[in-house]
Amino acid sequence: MNRPYLGEFEELVLLTVAMLNGQAYGVAILEEIEKQTGRTVSLSAIHATLQRLEEKGYLTSKMGGATAERGGRRKRFFTVTVGGTRALEEIHTTRNHLWNQIPKTGLA
């Protein structure tokens, strides 16, 4: 099995979808990433990343109902798949392993 590869922004988006637990859609993901990181993010970057993660099999999506507040438009909600969970767990394990290998004098 190939090891998962996620870019840093893909990882942030995937973690945010997991954190939003069933309430993850474009704008909610954007707002949460900006809140958590202090970074300014474009909605088009979020949508492109969501599409990429869905193509990789790390996310699934479904359309929600239309709402008057959105002018009758529907939201696409995203959830993390088993493969996405495995990818996040593997990245988490790898990062922790690397952090644990840094000698006490290794960081200034």
C-alpha atoms as a PDB file:
ATOM      1  CA  MET A   1       0.000   0.000   0.000  1.00  0.00           C
ATOM      2  CA  ASN A   2       1.287   3.469  -0.845  1.00  0.00           C
ATOM      3  CA  ARG A   3       1.915   5.856   1.981  1.00  0.00           C
ATOM      4  CA  PRO A   4      -0.428   8.817   1.922  1.00  0.00           C
ATOM      5  CA  TYR A   5       0.921  12.137   0.811  1.00  0.00           C
ATOM      6  CA  LEU A   6      -0.803  15.276   1.967  1.00  0.00           C
ATOM      7  CA  GLY A   7       0.441  18.778   1.472  1.00  0.00           C
ATOM      8  CA  GLU A   8       0.317  21.084   4.468  1.00  0.00           C
ATOM      9  CA  PHE A   9      -2.860  22.842   3.302  1.00  0.00           C
ATOM     10  CA  GLU A  10      -4.521  19.526   2.427  1.00  0.00           C
ATOM     11  CA  GLU A  11      -3.765  18.335   5.942  1.00  0.00           C
ATOM     12  CA  LEU A  12      -5.298  21.500   7.439  1.00  0.00           C
ATOM     13  CA  VAL A  13      -8.444  21.102   5.357  1.00  0.00           C
ATOM     14  CA  LEU A  14      -8.771  17.398   6.186  1.00  0.00           C
ATOM     15  CA  LEU A  15      -8.276  18.052   9.907  1.00  0.00           C
ATOM     16  CA  THR A  16     -10.832  20.855   9.795  1.00  0.00           C
ATOM     17  CA  VAL A  17     -13.406  18.649   8.058  1.00  0.00           C
ATOM     18  CA  ALA A  18     -12.871  16.060  10.796  1.00  0.00           C
ATOM     19  CA  MET A  19     -13.162  18.711  13.489  1.00  0.00           C
ATOM     20  CA  LEU A  20     -16.416  20.119  12.063  1.00  0.00           C
ATOM     21  CA  ASN A  21     -17.906  16.611  12.334  1.00  0.00           C
ATOM     22  CA  GLY A  22     -20.664  16.555   9.731  1.00  0.00           C
ATOM     23  CA  GLN A  23     -21.026  20.337   9.440  1.00  0.00           C
ATOM     24  CA  ALA A  24     -18.095  20.857   7.057  1.00  0.00           C
ATOM     25  CA  TYR A  25     -18.860  22.883   3.939  1.00  0.00           C
ATOM     26  CA  GLY A  26     -16.748  25.416   2.047  1.00  0.00           C
ATOM     27  CA  VAL A  27     -17.380  28.589   4.022  1.00  0.00           C
ATOM     28  CA  ALA A  28     -17.408  26.846   7.416  1.00  0.00           C
ATOM     29  CA  ILE A  29     -14.053  25.224   6.603  1.00  0.00           C
ATOM     30  CA  LEU A  30     -12.598  28.549   5.445  1.00  0.00           C
ATOM     31  CA  GLU A  31     -13.759  30.363   8.593  1.00  0.00           C
ATOM     32  CA  GLU A  32     -12.440  27.656  10.898  1.00  0.00           C
ATOM     33  CA  ILE A  33      -9.018  27.523   9.227  1.00  0.00           C
ATOM     34  CA  GLU A  34      -8.735  31.313   9.420  1.00  0.00           C
ATOM     35  CA  LYS A  35      -9.795  31.244  13.086  1.00  0.00           C
ATOM     36  CA  GLN A  36      -7.414  28.419  14.023  1.00  0.00           C
ATOM     37  CA  THR A  37      -4.368  29.564  12.033  1.00  0.00           C
ATOM     38  CA  GLY A  38      -4.724  33.315  11.603  1.00  0.00           C
ATOM     39  CA  ARG A  39      -4.138  32.822   7.871  1.00  0.00           C
ATOM     40  CA  THR A  40      -6.242  34.400   5.152  1.00  0.00           C
ATOM     41  CA  VAL A  41      -7.581  31.697   2.858  1.00  0.00           C
ATOM     42  CA  SER A  42      -9.506  31.964  -0.411  1.00  0.00           C
ATOM     43  CA  LEU A  43     -12.695  30.009  -0.904  1.00  0.00           C
ATOM     44  CA  SER A  44     -11.434  28.818  -4.297  1.00  0.00           C
ATOM     45  CA  ALA A  45      -8.367  27.279  -2.593  1.00  0.00           C
ATOM     46  CA  ILE A  46     -10.684  25.488  -0.169  1.00  0.00           C
ATOM     47  CA  HIS A  47     -12.882  24.156  -2.984  1.00  0.00           C
ATOM     48  CA  ALA A  48      -9.905  22.990  -5.065  1.00  0.00           C
ATOM     49  CA  THR A  49      -8.440  21.207  -2.049  1.00  0.00           C
ATOM     50  CA  LEU A  50     -11.747  19.577  -1.146  1.00  0.00           C
ATOM     51  CA  GLN A  51     -12.054  18.272  -4.707  1.00  0.00           C
ATOM     52  CA  ARG A  52      -8.485  16.925  -4.624  1.00  0.00           C
ATOM     53  CA  LEU A  53      -9.054  15.202  -1.269  1.00  0.00           C
ATOM     54  CA  GLU A  54     -12.270  13.670  -2.546  1.00  0.00           C
ATOM     55  CA  GLU A  55     -10.456  12.393  -5.661  1.00  0.00           C
ATOM     56  CA  LYS A  56      -7.794  10.843  -3.409  1.00  0.00           C
ATOM     57  CA  GLY A  57     -10.562   9.058  -1.497  1.00  0.00           C
ATOM     58  CA  TYR A  58      -9.960  10.925   1.774  1.00  0.00           C
ATOM     59  CA  LEU A  59     -13.339  12.702   1.755  1.00  0.00           C
ATOM     60  CA  THR A  60     -16.881  12.056   0.624  1.00  0.00           C
ATOM     61  CA  SER A  61     -19.532  14.684   0.067  1.00  0.00           C
ATOM     62  CA  LYS A  62     -23.275  14.999  -0.129  1.00  0.00           C
ATOM     63  CA  MET A  63     -25.599  17.844  -0.956  1.00  0.00           C
ATOM     64  CA  GLY A  64     -27.640  19.372   1.839  1.00  0.00           C
ATOM     65  CA  GLY A  65     -31.052  20.911   1.431  1.00  0.00           C
ATOM     66  CA  ALA A  66     -31.692  24.309  -0.127  1.00  0.00           C
ATOM     67  CA  THR A  67     -32.094  27.199   2.297  1.00  0.00           C
ATOM     68  CA  ALA A  68     -33.758  30.595   1.908  1.00  0.00           C
ATOM     69  CA  GLU A  69     -30.749  32.309   3.509  1.00  0.00           C
ATOM     70  CA  ARG A  70     -28.605  31.026   0.610  1.00  0.00           C
ATOM     71  CA  GLY A  71     -31.110  32.087  -2.056  1.00  0.00           C
ATOM     72  CA  GLY A  72     -32.279  28.515  -2.515  1.00  0.00           C
ATOM     73  CA  ARG A  73     -28.754  27.179  -3.102  1.00  0.00           C
ATOM     74  CA  ARG A  74     -27.629  23.955  -1.470  1.00  0.00           C
ATOM     75  CA  LYS A  75     -24.460  23.323   0.549  1.00  0.00           C
ATOM     76  CA  ARG A  76     -22.101  20.434  -0.166  1.00  0.00           C
ATOM     77  CA  PHE A  77     -21.146  18.777   3.135  1.00  0.00           C
ATOM     78  CA  PHE A  78     -17.906  16.818   3.483  1.00  0.00           C
ATOM     79  CA  THR A  79     -16.939  13.946   5.770  1.00  0.00           C
ATOM     80  CA  VAL A  80     -13.646  12.149   6.269  1.00  0.00           C
ATOM     81  CA  THR A  81     -13.473   8.585   4.927  1.00  0.00           C
ATOM     82  CA  VAL A  82     -11.717   5.627   6.527  1.00  0.00           C
ATOM     83  CA  GLY A  83      -8.814   6.271   4.134  1.00  0.00           C
ATOM     84  CA  GLY A  84      -8.704   9.920   5.210  1.00  0.00           C
ATOM     85  CA  THR A  85      -8.657   8.892   8.857  1.00  0.00           C
ATOM     86  CA  ARG A  86      -5.804   6.474   8.191  1.00  0.00           C
ATOM     87  CA  ALA A  87      -3.848   9.163   6.337  1.00  0.00           C
ATOM     88  CA  LEU A  88      -4.274  11.619   9.228  1.00  0.00           C
ATOM     89  CA  GLU A  89      -3.300   8.998  11.794  1.00  0.00           C
ATOM     90  CA  GLU A  90      -0.187   8.060   9.830  1.00  0.00           C
ATOM     91  CA  ILE A  91       0.864  11.689   9.447  1.00  0.00           C
ATOM     92  CA  HIS A  92       0.243  12.294  13.147  1.00  0.00           C
ATOM     93  CA  THR A  93       2.341   9.261  14.082  1.00  0.00           C
ATOM     94  CA  THR A  94       5.167  10.301  11.750  1.00  0.00           C
ATOM     95  CA  ARG A  95       5.207  13.866  13.065  1.00  0.00           C
ATOM     96  CA  ASN A  96       5.235  12.692  16.685  1.00  0.00           C
ATOM     97  CA  HIS A  97       8.032  10.238  15.925  1.00  0.00           C
ATOM     98  CA  LEU A  98      10.117  13.005  14.346  1.00  0.00           C
ATOM     99  CA  TRP A  99       9.435  15.428  17.199  1.00  0.00           C
ATOM    100  CA  ASN A 100      10.492  12.769  19.689  1.00  0.00           C
ATOM    101  CA  GLN A 101      13.797  12.291  17.851  1.00  0.00           C
ATOM    102  CA  ILE A 102      14.888  15.924  18.317  1.00  0.00           C
ATOM    103  CA  PRO A 103      17.545  16.143  21.047  1.00  0.00           C
ATOM    104  CA  LYS A 104      16.812  18.573  23.859  1.00  0.00           C
ATOM    105  CA  THR A 105      19.566  20.786  22.467  1.00  0.00           C
ATOM    106  CA  GLY A 106      18.242  20.458  18.880  1.00  0.00           C
ATOM    107  CA  LEU A 107      15.908  23.454  18.935  1.00  0.00           C
ATOM    108  CA  ALA A 108      17.035  26.970  19.656  1.00  0.00           C
END
